[in-house]
Each structure stands twice: as structure tokens, then as C-alpha cells.
Amino acid sequence: KHPAGVVIVKFVKPNDASDAVKAFNGKVRGNGRKLEASFWDGTTDYTVVDVEKEEKEAEKRLDKFGDWLEEQELPEEFQLRVEEKD
């Protein structure tokens, strides 16, 4: 279910799609909401994304990568050297 109420309908025949747009565009539903029917513009992405879930997954991936980095053995020329002053 799309939170904005978006519904995508595909038709085999272009004429059937045109008839549906004409029939439904501007109609008012029983709940008072006005329907807007139109042809897809070819670019709008109506995919629903769970932002919180995506952020958690990204954090897990970054943590895993950080753990992997810390496990790596650095070549001696890249290791931190501390010189003591007398």
C-alpha cells in the first residue's frame, strides 16, 4: 500500500488506458478525496522506501567494513611510530 495512495495500472491496449484516464480523472471518491488519473511520465519513481530501515542497513554495512579495516595488518611503512624525547 502506497502512503500517498498511488496506484499503478497497466493496460494491454493504449485505448483502454486513455478510456480509464478519462473515466477516473477528477472523480471524487466516497471519502471526499479527488482522484487524479494520468499517464506515467516515464521518470517518476513511485517506489516506497523505508528510510529508517535503509539507514540501519547502511550503518550495519559501515560497521562491518570498519571492523574489517581494523583487522587488517598495515605494512611497516604505514604503521604509527612514536619517538620518545629525552
N, C-alpha and C. Protein backbone atom coordinates (compact mmCIF):
# COMPACT_ATOMS: atom_id res chain seq x y z
N LYS A 1 0.84 -1.18 0.00
CA LYS A 1 0.00 0.00 0.00
C LYS A 1 0.88 1.24 0.00
N HIS A 2 0.64 2.13 -0.95
CA HIS A 2 1.43 3.35 -1.06
C HIS A 2 0.86 4.42 -0.13
N PRO A 3 1.70 5.06 0.70
CA PRO A 3 1.18 6.04 1.66
C PRO A 3 0.48 7.24 1.02
N ALA A 4 0.87 7.58 -0.21
CA ALA A 4 0.23 8.71 -0.88
C ALA A 4 -0.98 8.27 -1.70
N GLY A 5 -1.31 6.98 -1.64
CA GLY A 5 -2.46 6.48 -2.37
C GLY A 5 -2.22 6.24 -3.84
N VAL A 6 -0.96 6.15 -4.24
CA VAL A 6 -0.63 5.93 -5.65
C VAL A 6 -0.98 4.51 -6.05
N VAL A 7 -1.64 4.40 -7.18
CA VAL A 7 -1.98 3.10 -7.74
C VAL A 7 -1.50 3.10 -9.19
N ILE A 8 -0.80 2.05 -9.57
CA ILE A 8 -0.32 1.93 -10.95
C ILE A 8 -1.11 0.83 -11.63
N VAL A 9 -1.68 1.18 -12.77
CA VAL A 9 -2.47 0.23 -13.54
C VAL A 9 -1.87 0.16 -14.93
N LYS A 10 -1.65 -1.07 -15.41
CA LYS A 10 -1.10 -1.27 -16.75
C LYS A 10 -2.18 -1.86 -17.65
N PHE A 11 -2.21 -1.38 -18.88
CA PHE A 11 -3.18 -1.85 -19.86
C PHE A 11 -2.46 -2.44 -21.07
N VAL A 12 -3.07 -3.41 -21.69
CA VAL A 12 -2.51 -4.02 -22.89
C VAL A 12 -2.70 -3.07 -24.08
N LYS A 13 -3.88 -2.47 -24.15
CA LYS A 13 -4.19 -1.59 -25.28
C LYS A 13 -4.14 -0.12 -24.84
N PRO A 14 -3.43 0.73 -25.59
CA PRO A 14 -3.37 2.15 -25.25
C PRO A 14 -4.74 2.81 -25.16
N ASN A 15 -5.69 2.39 -26.00
CA ASN A 15 -7.03 2.99 -25.95
C ASN A 15 -7.72 2.72 -24.62
N ASP A 16 -7.49 1.52 -24.08
CA ASP A 16 -8.08 1.20 -22.78
C ASP A 16 -7.51 2.10 -21.69
N ALA A 17 -6.23 2.39 -21.77
CA ALA A 17 -5.60 3.29 -20.79
C ALA A 17 -6.19 4.69 -20.91
N SER A 18 -6.35 5.17 -22.15
CA SER A 18 -6.93 6.51 -22.37
C SER A 18 -8.35 6.58 -21.81
N ASP A 19 -9.12 5.53 -22.04
CA ASP A 19 -10.50 5.49 -21.53
C ASP A 19 -10.52 5.53 -20.00
N ALA A 20 -9.60 4.81 -19.37
CA ALA A 20 -9.54 4.78 -17.90
C ALA A 20 -9.16 6.15 -17.35
N VAL A 21 -8.20 6.81 -17.97
CA VAL A 21 -7.80 8.16 -17.51
C VAL A 21 -8.98 9.10 -17.62
N LYS A 22 -9.68 9.06 -18.73
CA LYS A 22 -10.86 9.93 -18.92
C LYS A 22 -11.95 9.63 -17.89
N ALA A 23 -12.15 8.34 -17.60
CA ALA A 23 -13.23 7.94 -16.69
C ALA A 23 -12.94 8.28 -15.24
N PHE A 24 -11.68 8.19 -14.83
CA PHE A 24 -11.37 8.34 -13.41
C PHE A 24 -10.81 9.71 -13.02
N ASN A 25 -10.19 10.42 -13.94
CA ASN A 25 -9.57 11.70 -13.58
C ASN A 25 -10.61 12.72 -13.13
N GLY A 26 -10.42 13.26 -11.95
CA GLY A 26 -11.32 14.28 -11.41
C GLY A 26 -12.51 13.74 -10.62
N LYS A 27 -12.68 12.44 -10.62
CA LYS A 27 -13.80 11.85 -9.86
C LYS A 27 -13.53 11.99 -8.36
N VAL A 28 -14.60 12.16 -7.60
CA VAL A 28 -14.49 12.27 -6.15
C VAL A 28 -14.97 10.96 -5.54
N ARG A 29 -14.12 10.40 -4.69
CA ARG A 29 -14.47 9.14 -4.02
C ARG A 29 -15.43 9.40 -2.86
N GLY A 30 -15.94 8.33 -2.29
CA GLY A 30 -16.87 8.43 -1.18
C GLY A 30 -16.26 9.09 0.05
N ASN A 31 -14.94 9.02 0.19
CA ASN A 31 -14.27 9.65 1.33
C ASN A 31 -13.94 11.12 1.09
N GLY A 32 -14.36 11.64 -0.08
CA GLY A 32 -14.14 13.05 -0.39
C GLY A 32 -12.83 13.34 -1.11
N ARG A 33 -12.01 12.33 -1.27
CA ARG A 33 -10.73 12.55 -1.97
C ARG A 33 -10.95 12.53 -3.47
N LYS A 34 -10.32 13.48 -4.14
CA LYS A 34 -10.45 13.60 -5.59
C LYS A 34 -9.37 12.73 -6.25
N LEU A 35 -9.78 11.93 -7.22
CA LEU A 35 -8.84 11.09 -7.95
C LEU A 35 -8.13 11.89 -9.02
N GLU A 36 -6.87 11.56 -9.21
CA GLU A 36 -6.10 12.15 -10.29
C GLU A 36 -5.56 10.99 -11.12
N ALA A 37 -6.03 10.88 -12.34
CA ALA A 37 -5.58 9.81 -13.23
C ALA A 37 -4.78 10.45 -14.37
N SER A 38 -3.62 9.88 -14.64
CA SER A 38 -2.78 10.41 -15.71
C SER A 38 -1.86 9.32 -16.22
N PHE A 39 -1.21 9.62 -17.33
CA PHE A 39 -0.24 8.69 -17.87
C PHE A 39 1.09 8.88 -17.15
N TRP A 40 1.82 7.79 -16.98
CA TRP A 40 3.13 7.86 -16.33
C TRP A 40 4.06 8.68 -17.19
N ASP A 41 4.84 9.57 -16.57
CA ASP A 41 5.75 10.45 -17.31
C ASP A 41 7.05 9.75 -17.73
N GLY A 42 7.24 8.52 -17.29
CA GLY A 42 8.43 7.77 -17.69
C GLY A 42 9.61 7.97 -16.77
N THR A 43 9.53 8.91 -15.83
CA THR A 43 10.67 9.17 -14.95
C THR A 43 10.33 9.11 -13.46
N THR A 44 9.13 9.44 -13.09
CA THR A 44 8.76 9.47 -11.68
C THR A 44 8.87 8.08 -11.08
N ASP A 45 9.55 7.99 -9.93
CA ASP A 45 9.71 6.72 -9.24
C ASP A 45 8.74 6.69 -8.07
N TYR A 46 7.78 5.80 -8.12
CA TYR A 46 6.76 5.71 -7.09
C TYR A 46 7.09 4.67 -6.03
N THR A 47 8.33 4.18 -6.04
CA THR A 47 8.74 3.15 -5.09
C THR A 47 8.71 3.70 -3.67
N VAL A 48 8.14 2.94 -2.76
CA VAL A 48 8.10 3.33 -1.36
C VAL A 48 9.38 2.83 -0.70
N VAL A 49 10.09 3.75 -0.04
CA VAL A 49 11.35 3.40 0.61
C VAL A 49 11.20 3.57 2.11
N ASP A 50 11.63 2.57 2.85
CA ASP A 50 11.63 2.65 4.30
C ASP A 50 12.97 3.26 4.72
N VAL A 51 12.99 4.57 4.93
CA VAL A 51 14.22 5.31 5.20
C VAL A 51 14.91 4.80 6.46
N GLU A 52 14.14 4.55 7.49
CA GLU A 52 14.72 4.07 8.76
C GLU A 52 15.42 2.73 8.56
N LYS A 53 14.78 1.83 7.83
CA LYS A 53 15.36 0.52 7.57
C LYS A 53 16.63 0.66 6.73
N GLU A 54 16.59 1.52 5.71
CA GLU A 54 17.76 1.75 4.85
C GLU A 54 18.94 2.29 5.67
N GLU A 55 18.66 3.23 6.59
CA GLU A 55 19.72 3.80 7.42
C GLU A 55 20.34 2.75 8.34
N LYS A 56 19.51 1.88 8.91
CA LYS A 56 20.02 0.82 9.79
C LYS A 56 20.90 -0.15 9.01
N GLU A 57 20.47 -0.52 7.81
CA GLU A 57 21.25 -1.42 6.98
C GLU A 57 22.58 -0.79 6.58
N ALA A 58 22.56 0.50 6.25
CA ALA A 58 23.79 1.20 5.88
C ALA A 58 24.75 1.26 7.07
N GLU A 59 24.21 1.51 8.26
CA GLU A 59 25.03 1.56 9.46
C GLU A 59 25.69 0.20 9.73
N LYS A 60 24.93 -0.88 9.54
CA LYS A 60 25.48 -2.22 9.72
C LYS A 60 26.62 -2.48 8.74
N ARG A 61 26.41 -2.09 7.47
CA ARG A 61 27.45 -2.29 6.46
C ARG A 61 28.71 -1.50 6.82
N LEU A 62 28.53 -0.26 7.26
CA LEU A 62 29.68 0.56 7.63
C LEU A 62 30.42 -0.01 8.84
N ASP A 63 29.67 -0.49 9.83
CA ASP A 63 30.29 -1.12 11.00
C ASP A 63 31.09 -2.35 10.59
N LYS A 64 30.52 -3.15 9.73
CA LYS A 64 31.19 -4.37 9.27
C LYS A 64 32.47 -4.00 8.52
N PHE A 65 32.40 -2.98 7.68
CA PHE A 65 33.57 -2.52 6.93
C PHE A 65 34.63 -1.98 7.88
N GLY A 66 34.19 -1.21 8.89
CA GLY A 66 35.13 -0.67 9.89
C GLY A 66 35.83 -1.78 10.65
N ASP A 67 35.09 -2.82 11.02
CA ASP A 67 35.69 -3.98 11.70
C ASP A 67 36.73 -4.64 10.80
N TRP A 68 36.38 -4.78 9.52
CA TRP A 68 37.31 -5.40 8.57
C TRP A 68 38.59 -4.57 8.46
N LEU A 69 38.42 -3.25 8.37
CA LEU A 69 39.60 -2.37 8.27
C LEU A 69 40.52 -2.52 9.48
N GLU A 70 39.92 -2.57 10.66
CA GLU A 70 40.71 -2.68 11.88
C GLU A 70 41.45 -4.02 11.98
N GLU A 71 40.94 -5.04 11.33
CA GLU A 71 41.58 -6.35 11.36
C GLU A 71 42.79 -6.44 10.42
N GLN A 72 42.90 -5.50 9.50
CA GLN A 72 43.96 -5.57 8.51
C GLN A 72 45.32 -5.24 9.12
N GLU A 73 46.34 -5.93 8.65
CA GLU A 73 47.72 -5.71 9.09
C GLU A 73 48.33 -4.64 8.18
N LEU A 74 48.78 -3.54 8.78
CA LEU A 74 49.40 -2.48 7.99
C LEU A 74 50.86 -2.81 7.70
N PRO A 75 51.32 -2.51 6.49
CA PRO A 75 52.75 -2.66 6.23
C PRO A 75 53.53 -1.74 7.17
N GLU A 76 54.74 -2.12 7.48
CA GLU A 76 55.53 -1.38 8.47
C GLU A 76 55.67 0.10 8.11
N GLU A 77 55.80 0.42 6.83
CA GLU A 77 55.98 1.83 6.44
C GLU A 77 54.75 2.69 6.73
N PHE A 78 53.60 2.05 6.95
CA PHE A 78 52.39 2.80 7.26
C PHE A 78 52.01 2.76 8.73
N GLN A 79 52.75 2.00 9.53
CA GLN A 79 52.43 1.89 10.95
C GLN A 79 52.90 3.14 11.68
N LEU A 80 52.15 3.49 12.72
CA LEU A 80 52.45 4.66 13.52
C LEU A 80 53.74 4.42 14.31
N ARG A 81 54.66 5.38 14.23
CA ARG A 81 55.92 5.30 15.00
C ARG A 81 55.95 6.46 15.98
N VAL A 82 56.25 6.16 17.20
CA VAL A 82 56.33 7.19 18.24
C VAL A 82 57.79 7.26 18.69
N GLU A 83 58.33 8.47 18.61
CA GLU A 83 59.70 8.67 19.07
C GLU A 83 59.65 9.37 20.42
N GLU A 84 60.42 8.84 21.34
CA GLU A 84 60.46 9.44 22.68
C GLU A 84 61.57 10.48 22.72
N LYS A 85 61.24 11.60 23.34
CA LYS A 85 62.24 12.67 23.53
C LYS A 85 62.93 12.47 24.87
N ASP A 86 64.20 12.76 24.87
CA ASP A 86 64.96 12.63 26.12
C ASP A 86 64.77 13.82 27.01
